[in-house]
N, C-alpha and C. Protein backbone atom coordinates (compact mmCIF):
# COMPACT_ATOMS: atom_id res chain seq x y z
N MET A 1 55.39 24.52 12.26
CA MET A 1 56.63 23.88 11.90
C MET A 1 57.41 23.56 13.16
N ILE A 2 58.08 22.48 13.12
CA ILE A 2 58.82 22.00 14.27
C ILE A 2 60.31 22.06 13.98
N PHE A 3 61.07 22.68 14.87
CA PHE A 3 62.53 22.63 14.75
C PHE A 3 62.95 21.27 15.28
N PRO A 4 63.80 20.53 14.56
CA PRO A 4 64.08 19.14 14.94
C PRO A 4 64.98 18.95 16.14
N ASN A 5 65.50 20.02 16.72
CA ASN A 5 66.41 19.89 17.86
C ASN A 5 65.97 20.80 18.99
N SER A 6 66.32 20.44 20.20
CA SER A 6 65.98 21.26 21.37
C SER A 6 66.91 22.46 21.43
N ILE A 7 66.31 23.65 21.63
CA ILE A 7 67.10 24.87 21.74
C ILE A 7 66.57 25.71 22.89
N ASN A 8 67.45 26.57 23.40
CA ASN A 8 67.04 27.60 24.36
C ASN A 8 66.69 28.84 23.55
N ILE A 9 65.43 29.22 23.54
CA ILE A 9 65.01 30.40 22.79
C ILE A 9 65.39 31.64 23.59
N SER A 10 66.19 32.52 22.96
CA SER A 10 66.64 33.72 23.65
C SER A 10 65.94 34.98 23.14
N LYS A 11 65.32 34.89 21.95
CA LYS A 11 64.68 36.07 21.38
C LYS A 11 63.63 35.63 20.37
N THR A 12 62.53 36.36 20.31
CA THR A 12 61.52 36.15 19.28
C THR A 12 61.40 37.42 18.45
N ASN A 13 60.97 37.28 17.22
CA ASN A 13 60.83 38.41 16.32
C ASN A 13 59.44 39.04 16.54
N SER A 14 59.37 39.99 17.45
CA SER A 14 58.09 40.62 17.79
C SER A 14 57.53 41.47 16.65
N HIS A 15 58.35 41.83 15.68
CA HIS A 15 57.88 42.62 14.53
C HIS A 15 56.88 41.82 13.68
N LEU A 16 56.93 40.50 13.80
CA LEU A 16 56.01 39.67 13.02
C LEU A 16 54.56 39.84 13.48
N ARG A 17 54.36 40.31 14.69
CA ARG A 17 52.98 40.55 15.16
C ARG A 17 52.30 41.62 14.32
N SER A 18 53.03 42.65 13.93
CA SER A 18 52.43 43.73 13.15
C SER A 18 52.54 43.45 11.64
N ASP A 19 53.49 42.62 11.23
CA ASP A 19 53.64 42.32 9.80
C ASP A 19 54.06 40.86 9.61
N PRO A 20 53.12 39.91 9.81
CA PRO A 20 53.48 38.49 9.67
C PRO A 20 53.86 38.09 8.26
N ASN A 21 53.55 38.93 7.28
CA ASN A 21 53.92 38.64 5.90
C ASN A 21 55.42 38.52 5.71
N ARG A 22 56.19 39.08 6.61
CA ARG A 22 57.65 39.03 6.51
C ARG A 22 58.17 37.59 6.50
N VAL A 23 57.45 36.69 7.13
CA VAL A 23 57.87 35.28 7.14
C VAL A 23 57.97 34.76 5.71
N VAL A 24 57.05 35.20 4.87
CA VAL A 24 57.01 34.75 3.48
C VAL A 24 57.84 35.65 2.57
N THR A 25 57.71 36.97 2.75
CA THR A 25 58.36 37.90 1.82
C THR A 25 59.85 38.10 2.08
N ASP A 26 60.29 37.91 3.31
CA ASP A 26 61.69 38.17 3.64
C ASP A 26 62.17 37.21 4.74
N PRO A 27 62.09 35.89 4.50
CA PRO A 27 62.35 34.93 5.57
C PRO A 27 63.78 34.90 6.09
N TYR A 28 64.75 35.32 5.29
CA TYR A 28 66.15 35.20 5.71
C TYR A 28 66.71 36.45 6.35
N THR A 29 65.96 37.55 6.36
CA THR A 29 66.45 38.76 7.02
C THR A 29 65.46 39.24 8.08
N PHE A 30 64.28 39.70 7.69
CA PHE A 30 63.33 40.24 8.66
C PHE A 30 62.23 39.25 9.06
N GLY A 31 62.17 38.09 8.41
CA GLY A 31 61.09 37.13 8.68
C GLY A 31 61.47 35.99 9.59
N TRP A 32 62.58 36.09 10.28
CA TRP A 32 62.98 35.02 11.18
C TRP A 32 62.00 34.92 12.35
N LEU A 33 61.88 33.75 12.94
CA LEU A 33 60.92 33.53 14.02
C LEU A 33 61.57 33.61 15.40
N PHE A 34 62.65 32.83 15.59
CA PHE A 34 63.28 32.73 16.90
C PHE A 34 64.79 32.81 16.76
N GLU A 35 65.42 33.22 17.86
CA GLU A 35 66.87 33.15 17.98
C GLU A 35 67.14 32.30 19.20
N GLY A 36 68.13 31.43 19.12
CA GLY A 36 68.40 30.58 20.26
C GLY A 36 69.74 29.90 20.18
N THR A 37 70.05 29.16 21.21
CA THR A 37 71.29 28.40 21.27
C THR A 37 70.96 26.94 21.55
N ARG A 38 71.86 26.11 21.13
CA ARG A 38 71.67 24.67 21.33
C ARG A 38 71.71 24.34 22.82
N LEU A 39 70.86 23.43 23.23
CA LEU A 39 70.92 22.95 24.60
C LEU A 39 72.21 22.16 24.76
N LYS A 40 72.91 22.40 25.84
CA LYS A 40 74.18 21.72 26.08
C LYS A 40 73.89 20.30 26.56
N ARG A 41 74.37 19.35 25.77
CA ARG A 41 74.25 17.94 26.14
C ARG A 41 75.58 17.27 25.88
N ASN A 42 75.96 16.40 26.76
CA ASN A 42 77.21 15.66 26.60
C ASN A 42 76.90 14.19 26.36
N GLY A 43 77.86 13.49 25.88
CA GLY A 43 77.71 12.05 25.69
C GLY A 43 76.88 11.70 24.48
N PRO A 44 76.19 10.56 24.52
CA PRO A 44 75.47 10.07 23.34
C PRO A 44 74.28 10.95 22.95
N GLN A 45 73.81 11.82 23.84
CA GLN A 45 72.68 12.71 23.53
C GLN A 45 73.11 13.97 22.79
N ALA A 46 74.43 14.25 22.73
CA ALA A 46 74.91 15.46 22.06
C ALA A 46 74.62 15.39 20.57
N THR A 47 74.08 16.49 20.01
CA THR A 47 73.75 16.52 18.59
C THR A 47 74.22 17.84 17.98
N ASP A 48 74.45 17.80 16.68
CA ASP A 48 74.75 19.01 15.92
C ASP A 48 73.43 19.78 15.78
N ILE A 49 73.46 21.09 15.97
CA ILE A 49 72.24 21.91 15.90
C ILE A 49 71.57 21.80 14.54
N LYS A 50 72.33 21.49 13.48
CA LYS A 50 71.78 21.39 12.13
C LYS A 50 71.24 20.00 11.80
N GLN A 51 71.43 19.06 12.71
CA GLN A 51 70.96 17.70 12.46
C GLN A 51 69.44 17.70 12.25
N GLY A 52 68.98 17.01 11.23
CA GLY A 52 67.56 16.91 10.97
C GLY A 52 67.00 18.00 10.06
N LEU A 53 67.82 19.02 9.71
CA LEU A 53 67.35 20.07 8.82
C LEU A 53 67.47 19.61 7.36
N ILE A 54 66.63 20.16 6.50
CA ILE A 54 66.66 19.83 5.08
C ILE A 54 67.48 20.90 4.37
N HIS A 55 68.35 20.48 3.44
CA HIS A 55 69.25 21.41 2.76
C HIS A 55 69.09 21.32 1.24
N GLY A 56 69.47 22.41 0.55
CA GLY A 56 69.59 22.43 -0.90
C GLY A 56 68.32 22.08 -1.64
N ASN A 57 68.48 21.26 -2.70
CA ASN A 57 67.35 20.89 -3.55
C ASN A 57 66.28 20.12 -2.80
N ARG A 58 66.67 19.41 -1.75
CA ARG A 58 65.67 18.68 -0.96
C ARG A 58 64.68 19.65 -0.33
N THR A 59 65.11 20.88 -0.02
CA THR A 59 64.21 21.89 0.53
C THR A 59 63.14 22.25 -0.47
N ARG A 60 63.54 22.51 -1.70
CA ARG A 60 62.59 22.86 -2.75
C ARG A 60 61.61 21.71 -2.99
N GLU A 61 62.11 20.49 -3.06
CA GLU A 61 61.26 19.31 -3.26
C GLU A 61 60.26 19.18 -2.11
N TRP A 62 60.71 19.38 -0.88
CA TRP A 62 59.83 19.28 0.28
C TRP A 62 58.73 20.36 0.21
N MET A 63 59.11 21.58 -0.12
CA MET A 63 58.14 22.67 -0.20
C MET A 63 57.11 22.40 -1.30
N GLN A 64 57.54 21.91 -2.44
CA GLN A 64 56.60 21.58 -3.51
C GLN A 64 55.65 20.46 -3.09
N LYS A 65 56.20 19.45 -2.44
CA LYS A 65 55.37 18.33 -1.97
C LYS A 65 54.34 18.81 -0.94
N GLU A 66 54.78 19.65 -0.01
CA GLU A 66 53.85 20.16 1.01
C GLU A 66 52.80 21.09 0.40
N SER A 67 53.16 21.86 -0.62
CA SER A 67 52.18 22.72 -1.30
C SER A 67 51.11 21.87 -1.98
N ARG A 68 51.53 20.80 -2.64
CA ARG A 68 50.56 19.89 -3.27
C ARG A 68 49.68 19.23 -2.21
N ARG A 69 50.31 18.81 -1.11
CA ARG A 69 49.56 18.15 -0.03
C ARG A 69 48.53 19.10 0.57
N LEU A 70 48.90 20.38 0.74
CA LEU A 70 47.97 21.38 1.28
C LEU A 70 46.81 21.59 0.32
N THR A 71 47.10 21.72 -0.96
CA THR A 71 46.05 21.91 -1.96
C THR A 71 45.09 20.72 -1.94
N GLU A 72 45.62 19.51 -1.94
CA GLU A 72 44.78 18.32 -1.92
C GLU A 72 43.96 18.24 -0.63
N PHE A 73 44.59 18.60 0.50
CA PHE A 73 43.90 18.56 1.78
C PHE A 73 42.72 19.52 1.78
N VAL A 74 42.95 20.76 1.35
CA VAL A 74 41.88 21.77 1.34
C VAL A 74 40.76 21.35 0.39
N HIS A 75 41.12 20.87 -0.78
CA HIS A 75 40.09 20.46 -1.74
C HIS A 75 39.27 19.28 -1.21
N SER A 76 39.92 18.35 -0.53
CA SER A 76 39.19 17.17 -0.05
C SER A 76 38.38 17.45 1.21
N LYS A 77 38.86 18.36 2.08
CA LYS A 77 38.19 18.59 3.37
C LYS A 77 37.20 19.75 3.34
N PHE A 78 37.48 20.78 2.54
CA PHE A 78 36.69 22.01 2.65
C PHE A 78 35.92 22.37 1.39
N ALA A 79 35.93 21.49 0.41
CA ALA A 79 35.18 21.78 -0.81
C ALA A 79 33.69 21.78 -0.48
N GLY A 80 32.94 22.63 -1.16
CA GLY A 80 31.50 22.70 -0.94
C GLY A 80 30.80 21.41 -1.33
N ILE A 81 29.77 21.05 -0.60
CA ILE A 81 29.00 19.86 -0.90
C ILE A 81 27.67 20.29 -1.50
N GLN A 82 27.37 19.79 -2.69
CA GLN A 82 26.11 20.10 -3.34
C GLN A 82 25.01 19.19 -2.82
N ALA A 83 23.78 19.48 -3.17
CA ALA A 83 22.64 18.69 -2.71
C ALA A 83 22.77 17.22 -3.12
N ASP A 84 23.37 16.95 -4.27
CA ASP A 84 23.51 15.56 -4.74
C ASP A 84 24.73 14.86 -4.13
N GLY A 85 25.43 15.54 -3.19
CA GLY A 85 26.58 14.95 -2.52
C GLY A 85 27.90 15.17 -3.22
N GLN A 86 27.89 15.78 -4.40
CA GLN A 86 29.12 16.05 -5.14
C GLN A 86 29.84 17.25 -4.53
N GLN A 87 31.17 17.21 -4.54
CA GLN A 87 31.96 18.33 -4.06
C GLN A 87 32.27 19.27 -5.20
N TRP A 88 32.41 20.56 -4.89
CA TRP A 88 32.78 21.54 -5.90
C TRP A 88 33.69 22.58 -5.28
N MET A 89 34.50 23.17 -6.10
CA MET A 89 35.34 24.29 -5.70
C MET A 89 35.17 25.37 -6.76
N ALA A 90 35.48 26.60 -6.41
CA ALA A 90 35.33 27.69 -7.37
C ALA A 90 36.23 27.50 -8.58
N ASP A 91 37.48 27.07 -8.37
CA ASP A 91 38.38 26.92 -9.50
C ASP A 91 39.16 25.62 -9.48
N GLY A 92 39.25 24.95 -8.34
CA GLY A 92 40.02 23.72 -8.25
C GLY A 92 41.51 23.93 -8.35
N GLY A 93 41.97 25.18 -8.30
CA GLY A 93 43.38 25.50 -8.48
C GLY A 93 44.17 25.45 -7.19
N ILE A 94 45.26 26.20 -7.18
CA ILE A 94 46.15 26.21 -6.02
C ILE A 94 45.55 27.05 -4.89
N ILE A 95 46.10 26.89 -3.71
CA ILE A 95 45.63 27.60 -2.52
C ILE A 95 46.06 29.07 -2.58
N GLY A 96 45.14 29.96 -2.26
CA GLY A 96 45.43 31.39 -2.23
C GLY A 96 46.10 31.80 -0.93
N ASP A 97 46.79 32.94 -0.97
CA ASP A 97 47.49 33.45 0.21
C ASP A 97 46.56 33.73 1.38
N ASP A 98 45.30 34.03 1.10
CA ASP A 98 44.36 34.42 2.16
C ASP A 98 43.42 33.29 2.56
N LEU A 99 43.84 32.06 2.38
CA LEU A 99 43.00 30.90 2.68
C LEU A 99 42.39 30.95 4.07
N MET A 100 43.19 31.27 5.09
CA MET A 100 42.73 31.16 6.48
C MET A 100 41.52 32.05 6.77
N ARG A 101 41.38 33.14 6.09
CA ARG A 101 40.25 34.03 6.38
C ARG A 101 38.93 33.44 5.91
N TYR A 102 38.98 32.42 5.07
CA TYR A 102 37.76 31.79 4.56
C TYR A 102 37.38 30.52 5.34
N LEU A 103 38.24 30.12 6.27
CA LEU A 103 37.97 28.90 7.03
C LEU A 103 37.30 29.23 8.36
N SER A 104 36.43 28.33 8.78
CA SER A 104 35.85 28.47 10.13
C SER A 104 36.94 28.13 11.14
N LYS A 105 36.68 28.41 12.39
CA LYS A 105 37.65 28.10 13.45
C LYS A 105 37.97 26.60 13.46
N GLU A 106 36.95 25.79 13.31
CA GLU A 106 37.13 24.33 13.32
C GLU A 106 37.98 23.88 12.12
N GLU A 107 37.71 24.47 10.96
CA GLU A 107 38.49 24.12 9.76
C GLU A 107 39.94 24.55 9.91
N ALA A 108 40.17 25.74 10.46
CA ALA A 108 41.53 26.23 10.66
C ALA A 108 42.29 25.32 11.62
N LEU A 109 41.63 24.86 12.68
CA LEU A 109 42.28 23.95 13.62
C LEU A 109 42.60 22.61 12.98
N LEU A 110 41.70 22.12 12.14
CA LEU A 110 41.95 20.87 11.43
C LEU A 110 43.17 21.01 10.53
N LEU A 111 43.27 22.12 9.81
CA LEU A 111 44.42 22.37 8.95
C LEU A 111 45.70 22.50 9.78
N TYR A 112 45.64 23.25 10.87
CA TYR A 112 46.80 23.41 11.74
C TYR A 112 47.28 22.04 12.25
N ASN A 113 46.36 21.24 12.73
CA ASN A 113 46.74 19.94 13.27
C ASN A 113 47.35 19.03 12.21
N GLU A 114 46.89 19.15 10.99
CA GLU A 114 47.43 18.31 9.91
C GLU A 114 48.83 18.74 9.50
N PHE A 115 49.11 20.04 9.50
CA PHE A 115 50.37 20.53 8.94
C PHE A 115 51.37 21.06 9.96
N PHE A 116 50.94 21.48 11.14
CA PHE A 116 51.86 22.16 12.05
C PHE A 116 51.93 21.56 13.45
N SER A 117 51.09 20.62 13.77
CA SER A 117 51.08 20.06 15.12
C SER A 117 52.31 19.17 15.34
N PRO A 118 52.95 19.30 16.50
CA PRO A 118 54.10 18.41 16.79
C PRO A 118 53.66 16.98 17.07
N HIS A 119 52.37 16.78 17.23
CA HIS A 119 51.86 15.44 17.59
C HIS A 119 51.24 14.71 16.41
N HIS A 120 51.46 15.22 15.19
CA HIS A 120 50.88 14.57 14.02
C HIS A 120 51.89 13.71 13.33
């Protein structure tokens, strides 16, 4: 995920190394990623630190859209190929929490580049 504004990172949440699940289970208290301050800019380059962030119902809509996009991406890219060329999945349902452990390194990088790369 990309923060839409430049910041000076002053602290990282090192507790996430031992329990990364906190990002999902407790994102607003113990699951934070970084602490920082806005880069000081004057003139036409000055921006509000909140500029570009998604708020309210738009957040829920974005998360639902990205969940669907992830499910479709995984089904289209990583579904098993049968001898007749047809693709299959075990259930065709939503993505499980432990998806990454089932992907090869190359598949994980492909997924990362599609969803988290700043250059995509």
